[in-house]
């Protein structure tokens, strides 16, 4: 029997942190929303809740760890 071709598995840590948008962009959540929220104003907390795109230099590394996304 021939040897099966090895397939790359999804890195679950990457799958929990990043999502692929419908246009193919890699999206991430912003840092700074876990603690010390009383010291931050409402605008900063509200804008921190949005997802942002990953920098172009990092997208290939993230997509390599998400082979089925």
PDB file of N, CA and C in Angstrom:
ATOM      1  N   UNK A   1       0.837  -1.193   0.000  1.00  0.00           N
ATOM      2  CA  UNK A   1       0.000   0.000   0.000  1.00  0.00           C
ATOM      3  C   UNK A   1       0.873   1.243   0.000  1.00  0.00           C
ATOM      4  N   UNK A   2       0.484   2.228  -0.797  1.00  0.00           N
ATOM      5  CA  UNK A   2       1.278   3.468  -0.779  1.00  0.00           C
ATOM      6  C   UNK A   2       1.064   4.233   0.521  1.00  0.00           C
ATOM      7  N   UNK A   3       2.081   4.966   0.877  1.00  0.00           N
ATOM      8  CA  UNK A   3       2.028   5.749   2.102  1.00  0.00           C
ATOM      9  C   UNK A   3       1.086   6.941   1.909  1.00  0.00           C
ATOM     10  N   UNK A   4       0.193   7.222   2.854  1.00  0.00           N
ATOM     11  CA  UNK A   4      -0.710   8.375   2.675  1.00  0.00           C
ATOM     12  C   UNK A   4       0.048   9.695   2.755  1.00  0.00           C
ATOM     13  N   UNK A   5      -0.429  10.661   2.014  1.00  0.00           N
ATOM     14  CA  UNK A   5       0.194  11.981   2.007  1.00  0.00           C
ATOM     15  C   UNK A   5      -0.131  12.678   3.333  1.00  0.00           C
ATOM     16  N   UNK A   6       0.907  13.204   3.948  1.00  0.00           N
ATOM     17  CA  UNK A   6       0.720  13.890   5.224  1.00  0.00           C
ATOM     18  C   UNK A   6      -0.015  15.203   5.000  1.00  0.00           C
ATOM     19  N   UNK A   7      -1.006  15.450   5.816  1.00  0.00           N
ATOM     20  CA  UNK A   7      -1.731  16.713   5.722  1.00  0.00           C
ATOM     21  C   UNK A   7      -1.421  17.543   6.956  1.00  0.00           C
ATOM     22  N   UNK A   8      -1.482  18.851   6.793  1.00  0.00           N
ATOM     23  CA  UNK A   8      -1.180  19.723   7.923  1.00  0.00           C
ATOM     24  C   UNK A   8      -2.427  19.911   8.763  1.00  0.00           C
ATOM     25  N   UNK A   9      -2.270  19.816  10.056  1.00  0.00           N
ATOM     26  CA  UNK A   9      -3.399  19.984  10.970  1.00  0.00           C
ATOM     27  C   UNK A   9      -3.584  21.462  11.301  1.00  0.00           C
ATOM     28  N   UNK A  10      -4.792  21.786  11.718  1.00  0.00           N
ATOM     29  CA  UNK A  10      -5.081  23.136  12.178  1.00  0.00           C
ATOM     30  C   UNK A  10      -4.473  23.338  13.560  1.00  0.00           C
ATOM     31  N   UNK A  11      -3.751  24.441  13.726  1.00  0.00           N
ATOM     32  CA  UNK A  11      -3.255  24.802  15.049  1.00  0.00           C
ATOM     33  C   UNK A  11      -4.408  25.415  15.828  1.00  0.00           C
ATOM     34  N   UNK A  12      -4.854  24.726  16.868  1.00  0.00           N
ATOM     35  CA  UNK A  12      -6.052  25.164  17.581  1.00  0.00           C
ATOM     36  C   UNK A  12      -5.856  26.482  18.302  1.00  0.00           C
ATOM     37  N   UNK A  13      -4.634  26.769  18.755  1.00  0.00           N
ATOM     38  CA  UNK A  13      -4.366  28.053  19.405  1.00  0.00           C
ATOM     39  C   UNK A  13      -4.536  29.199  18.418  1.00  0.00           C
ATOM     40  N   UNK A  14      -4.152  28.973  17.168  1.00  0.00           N
ATOM     41  CA  UNK A  14      -4.312  29.994  16.136  1.00  0.00           C
ATOM     42  C   UNK A  14      -5.781  30.128  15.752  1.00  0.00           C
ATOM     43  N   UNK A  15      -6.492  29.008  15.700  1.00  0.00           N
ATOM     44  CA  UNK A  15      -7.906  29.042  15.319  1.00  0.00           C
ATOM     45  C   UNK A  15      -8.749  29.799  16.332  1.00  0.00           C
ATOM     46  N   UNK A  16      -8.334  29.775  17.606  1.00  0.00           N
ATOM     47  CA  UNK A  16      -9.078  30.493  18.634  1.00  0.00           C
ATOM     48  C   UNK A  16      -8.791  31.995  18.603  1.00  0.00           C
ATOM     49  N   UNK A  17      -7.631  32.381  18.100  1.00  0.00           N
ATOM     50  CA  UNK A  17      -7.232  33.783  18.144  1.00  0.00           C
ATOM     51  C   UNK A  17      -7.542  34.556  16.864  1.00  0.00           C
ATOM     52  N   UNK A  18      -7.621  33.868  15.735  1.00  0.00           N
ATOM     53  CA  UNK A  18      -7.776  34.535  14.446  1.00  0.00           C
ATOM     54  C   UNK A  18      -8.962  33.965  13.699  1.00  0.00           C
ATOM     55  N   UNK A  19      -9.614  34.804  12.908  1.00  0.00           N
ATOM     56  CA  UNK A  19     -10.701  34.380  12.037  1.00  0.00           C
ATOM     57  C   UNK A  19     -10.414  34.921  10.640  1.00  0.00           C
ATOM     58  N   UNK A  20     -10.860  34.166   9.614  1.00  0.00           N
ATOM     59  CA  UNK A  20     -10.712  34.605   8.240  1.00  0.00           C
ATOM     60  C   UNK A  20     -12.037  35.252   7.816  1.00  0.00           C
ATOM     61  N   UNK A  21     -11.962  36.490   7.308  1.00  0.00           N
ATOM     62  CA  UNK A  21     -13.173  37.171   6.878  1.00  0.00           C
ATOM     63  C   UNK A  21     -13.634  36.601   5.542  1.00  0.00           C
ATOM     64  N   UNK A  22     -14.801  37.039   5.100  1.00  0.00           N
ATOM     65  CA  UNK A  22     -15.341  36.534   3.837  1.00  0.00           C
ATOM     66  C   UNK A  22     -14.510  36.983   2.644  1.00  0.00           C
ATOM     67  N   UNK A  23     -13.797  38.089   2.783  1.00  0.00           N
ATOM     68  CA  UNK A  23     -12.935  38.569   1.702  1.00  0.00           C
ATOM     69  C   UNK A  23     -11.538  37.976   1.779  1.00  0.00           C
ATOM     70  N   UNK A  24     -11.272  37.148   2.804  1.00  0.00           N
ATOM     71  CA  UNK A  24      -9.973  36.497   2.911  1.00  0.00           C
ATOM     72  C   UNK A  24      -8.984  37.177   3.828  1.00  0.00           C
ATOM     73  N   UNK A  25      -9.401  38.245   4.497  1.00  0.00           N
ATOM     74  CA  UNK A  25      -8.503  38.918   5.427  1.00  0.00           C
ATOM     75  C   UNK A  25      -8.442  38.144   6.739  1.00  0.00           C
ATOM     76  N   UNK A  26      -7.301  38.235   7.402  1.00  0.00           N
ATOM     77  CA  UNK A  26      -7.141  37.597   8.707  1.00  0.00           C
ATOM     78  C   UNK A  26      -7.471  38.642   9.763  1.00  0.00           C
ATOM     79  N   UNK A  27      -8.455  38.332  10.609  1.00  0.00           N
ATOM     80  CA  UNK A  27      -8.917  39.275  11.611  1.00  0.00           C
ATOM     81  C   UNK A  27      -8.502  38.810  13.002  1.00  0.00           C
ATOM     82  N   UNK A  28      -8.231  39.765  13.880  1.00  0.00           N
ATOM     83  CA  UNK A  28      -7.845  39.467  15.256  1.00  0.00           C
ATOM     84  C   UNK A  28      -8.559  40.431  16.181  1.00  0.00           C
ATOM     85  N   UNK A  29      -8.666  40.058  17.466  1.00  0.00           N
ATOM     86  CA  UNK A  29      -9.233  40.962  18.457  1.00  0.00           C
ATOM     87  C   UNK A  29      -8.113  41.796  19.053  1.00  0.00           C
ATOM     88  N   UNK A  30      -8.454  42.933  19.600  1.00  0.00           N
ATOM     89  CA  UNK A  30      -7.457  43.855  20.121  1.00  0.00           C
ATOM     90  C   UNK A  30      -7.130  43.552  21.571  1.00  0.00           C
ATOM     91  N   UNK A  31      -5.925  43.909  21.946  1.00  0.00           N
ATOM     92  CA  UNK A  31      -5.459  43.689  23.310  1.00  0.00           C
ATOM     93  C   UNK A  31      -5.932  44.825  24.214  1.00  0.00           C
ATOM     94  N   UNK A  32      -5.870  44.584  25.518  1.00  0.00           N
ATOM     95  CA  UNK A  32      -6.154  45.641  26.481  1.00  0.00           C
ATOM     96  C   UNK A  32      -7.580  45.686  26.986  1.00  0.00           C
ATOM     97  N   UNK A  33      -8.340  44.594  26.845  1.00  0.00           N
ATOM     98  CA  UNK A  33      -9.737  44.593  27.281  1.00  0.00           C
ATOM     99  C   UNK A  33      -9.994  43.645  28.436  1.00  0.00           C
ATOM    100  N   UNK A  34      -8.973  43.175  29.117  1.00  0.00           N
ATOM    101  CA  UNK A  34      -9.144  42.160  30.151  1.00  0.00           C
ATOM    102  C   UNK A  34      -9.275  42.749  31.553  1.00  0.00           C
ATOM    103  N   UNK A  35      -8.443  43.733  31.882  1.00  0.00           N
ATOM    104  CA  UNK A  35      -8.443  44.250  33.252  1.00  0.00           C
ATOM    105  C   UNK A  35      -8.083  45.730  33.215  1.00  0.00           C
ATOM    106  N   UNK A  36      -8.179  46.372  34.365  1.00  0.00           N
ATOM    107  CA  UNK A  36      -7.935  47.816  34.528  1.00  0.00           C
ATOM    108  C   UNK A  36      -8.862  48.641  33.629  1.00  0.00           C
ATOM    109  N   UNK A  37     -10.106  48.204  33.509  1.00  0.00           N
ATOM    110  CA  UNK A  37     -11.035  48.864  32.601  1.00  0.00           C
ATOM    111  C   UNK A  37     -11.580  50.163  33.173  1.00  0.00           C
ATOM    112  N   UNK A  38     -11.538  50.320  34.498  1.00  0.00           N
ATOM    113  CA  UNK A  38     -12.067  51.551  35.076  1.00  0.00           C
ATOM    114  C   UNK A  38     -11.182  52.748  34.766  1.00  0.00           C
ATOM    115  N   UNK A  39      -9.914  52.501  34.468  1.00  0.00           N
ATOM    116  CA  UNK A  39      -9.003  53.591  34.145  1.00  0.00           C
ATOM    117  C   UNK A  39      -9.104  54.016  32.691  1.00  0.00           C
ATOM    118  N   UNK A  40      -9.771  53.243  31.861  1.00  0.00           N
ATOM    119  CA  UNK A  40      -9.865  53.541  30.440  1.00  0.00           C
ATOM    120  C   UNK A  40     -11.214  54.186  30.152  1.00  0.00           C
ATOM    121  N   UNK A  41     -11.215  55.169  29.252  1.00  0.00           N
ATOM    122  CA  UNK A  41     -12.469  55.843  28.952  1.00  0.00           C
ATOM    123  C   UNK A  41     -13.333  54.984  28.021  1.00  0.00           C
ATOM    124  N   UNK A  42     -14.581  55.375  27.870  1.00  0.00           N
ATOM    125  CA  UNK A  42     -15.559  54.554  27.159  1.00  0.00           C
ATOM    126  C   UNK A  42     -15.205  54.396  25.691  1.00  0.00           C
ATOM    127  N   UNK A  43     -14.661  55.432  25.090  1.00  0.00           N
ATOM    128  CA  UNK A  43     -14.303  55.349  23.670  1.00  0.00           C
ATOM    129  C   UNK A  43     -13.203  54.319  23.448  1.00  0.00           C
ATOM    130  N   UNK A  44     -12.231  54.310  24.334  1.00  0.00           N
ATOM    131  CA  UNK A  44     -11.116  53.368  24.214  1.00  0.00           C
ATOM    132  C   UNK A  44     -11.585  51.921  24.393  1.00  0.00           C
ATOM    133  N   UNK A  45     -12.499  51.707  25.352  1.00  0.00           N
ATOM    134  CA  UNK A  45     -13.027  50.361  25.572  1.00  0.00           C
ATOM    135  C   UNK A  45     -13.912  49.921  24.406  1.00  0.00           C
ATOM    136  N   UNK A  46     -14.710  50.828  23.888  1.00  0.00           N
ATOM    137  CA  UNK A  46     -15.610  50.504  22.785  1.00  0.00           C
ATOM    138  C   UNK A  46     -14.825  50.182  21.516  1.00  0.00           C
ATOM    139  N   UNK A  47     -13.814  50.969  21.211  1.00  0.00           N
ATOM    140  CA  UNK A  47     -13.026  50.713  20.011  1.00  0.00           C
ATOM    141  C   UNK A  47     -12.139  49.488  20.163  1.00  0.00           C
ATOM    142  N   UNK A  48     -11.808  49.130  21.406  1.00  0.00           N
ATOM    143  CA  UNK A  48     -11.011  47.933  21.630  1.00  0.00           C
ATOM    144  C   UNK A  48     -11.795  46.656  21.457  1.00  0.00           C
ATOM    145  N   UNK A  49     -13.128  46.747  21.434  1.00  0.00           N
ATOM    146  CA  UNK A  49     -13.937  45.550  21.287  1.00  0.00           C
ATOM    147  C   UNK A  49     -14.062  45.109  19.833  1.00  0.00           C
ATOM    148  N   UNK A  50     -13.683  45.972  18.896  1.00  0.00           N
ATOM    149  CA  UNK A  50     -13.807  45.647  17.481  1.00  0.00           C
ATOM    150  C   UNK A  50     -12.650  44.756  17.036  1.00  0.00           C
ATOM    151  N   UNK A  51     -12.883  44.004  15.978  1.00  0.00           N
ATOM    152  CA  UNK A  51     -11.809  43.207  15.396  1.00  0.00           C
ATOM    153  C   UNK A  51     -11.079  44.056  14.355  1.00  0.00           C
ATOM    154  N   UNK A  52      -9.793  43.798  14.221  1.00  0.00           N
ATOM    155  CA  UNK A  52      -8.971  44.511  13.251  1.00  0.00           C
ATOM    156  C   UNK A  52      -8.222  43.493  12.406  1.00  0.00           C
ATOM    157  N   UNK A  53      -7.734  43.946  11.276  1.00  0.00           N
ATOM    158  CA  UNK A  53      -6.978  43.068  10.394  1.00  0.00           C
ATOM    159  C   UNK A  53      -5.559  42.869  10.887  1.00  0.00           C
ATOM    160  N   UNK A  54      -5.034  41.696  10.614  1.00  0.00           N
ATOM    161  CA  UNK A  54      -3.652  41.386  10.955  1.00  0.00           C
ATOM    162  C   UNK A  54      -2.747  42.069   9.941  1.00  0.00           C
ATOM    163  N   UNK A  55      -1.573  42.499  10.368  1.00  0.00           N
ATOM    164  CA  UNK A  55      -0.625  43.161   9.482  1.00  0.00           C
ATOM    165  C   UNK A  55      -0.240  42.229   8.334  1.00  0.00           C
ATOM    166  N   UNK A  56       0.050  42.811   7.189  1.00  0.00           N
ATOM    167  CA  UNK A  56       0.307  42.032   5.982  1.00  0.00           C
ATOM    168  C   UNK A  56       1.506  41.108   6.115  1.00  0.00           C
ATOM    169  N   UNK A  57       2.473  41.462   6.948  1.00  0.00           N
ATOM    170  CA  UNK A  57       3.649  40.610   7.104  1.00  0.00           C
ATOM    171  C   UNK A  57       3.355  39.361   7.917  1.00  0.00           C
ATOM    172  N   UNK A  58       2.244  39.337   8.647  1.00  0.00           N
ATOM    173  CA  UNK A  58       1.910  38.194   9.489  1.00  0.00           C
ATOM    174  C   UNK A  58       0.825  37.296   8.903  1.00  0.00           C
ATOM    175  N   UNK A  59       0.162  37.730   7.848  1.00  0.00           N
ATOM    176  CA  UNK A  59      -0.980  36.971   7.349  1.00  0.00           C
ATOM    177  C   UNK A  59      -0.566  35.603   6.814  1.00  0.00           C
ATOM    178  N   UNK A  60       0.582  35.503   6.165  1.00  0.00           N
ATOM    179  CA  UNK A  60       1.004  34.213   5.611  1.00  0.00           C
ATOM    180  C   UNK A  60       1.274  33.210   6.715  1.00  0.00           C
ATOM    181  N   UNK A  61       1.851  33.665   7.833  1.00  0.00           N
ATOM    182  CA  UNK A  61       2.125  32.750   8.940  1.00  0.00           C
ATOM    183  C   UNK A  61       0.846  32.257   9.581  1.00  0.00           C
ATOM    184  N   UNK A  62      -0.148  33.136   9.711  1.00  0.00           N
ATOM    185  CA  UNK A  62      -1.415  32.733  10.319  1.00  0.00           C
ATOM    186  C   UNK A  62      -2.152  31.770   9.396  1.00  0.00           C
ATOM    187  N   UNK A  63      -2.190  32.080   8.103  1.00  0.00           N
ATOM    188  CA  UNK A  63      -2.914  31.230   7.156  1.00  0.00           C
ATOM    189  C   UNK A  63      -2.242  29.851   7.004  1.00  0.00           C
ATOM    190  N   UNK A  64      -0.933  29.782   7.201  1.00  0.00           N
ATOM    191  CA  UNK A  64      -0.248  28.493   7.132  1.00  0.00           C
ATOM    192  C   UNK A  64      -0.678  27.579   8.269  1.00  0.00           C
ATOM    193  N   UNK A  65      -1.074  28.156   9.400  1.00  0.00           N
ATOM    194  CA  UNK A  65      -1.523  27.370  10.530  1.00  0.00           C
ATOM    195  C   UNK A  65      -3.025  27.119  10.523  1.00  0.00           C
ATOM    196  N   UNK A  66      -3.731  27.692   9.559  1.00  0.00           N
ATOM    197  CA  UNK A  66      -5.166  27.463   9.384  1.00  0.00           C
ATOM    198  C   UNK A  66      -5.403  26.890   7.987  1.00  0.00           C
ATOM    199  N   UNK A  67      -5.039  25.647   7.737  1.00  0.00           N
ATOM    200  CA  UNK A  67      -5.095  25.142   6.363  1.00  0.00           C
ATOM    201  C   UNK A  67      -6.506  24.964   5.818  1.00  0.00           C
ATOM    202  N   UNK A  68      -7.523  24.835   6.670  1.00  0.00           N
ATOM    203  CA  UNK A  68      -8.880  24.575   6.193  1.00  0.00           C
ATOM    204  C   UNK A  68      -9.786  25.798   6.285  1.00  0.00           C
ATOM    205  N   UNK A  69      -9.223  26.950   6.576  1.00  0.00           N
ATOM    206  CA  UNK A  69     -10.040  28.171   6.699  1.00  0.00           C
ATOM    207  C   UNK A  69      -9.998  28.980   5.418  1.00  0.00           C
TER     208      UNK A  69
END
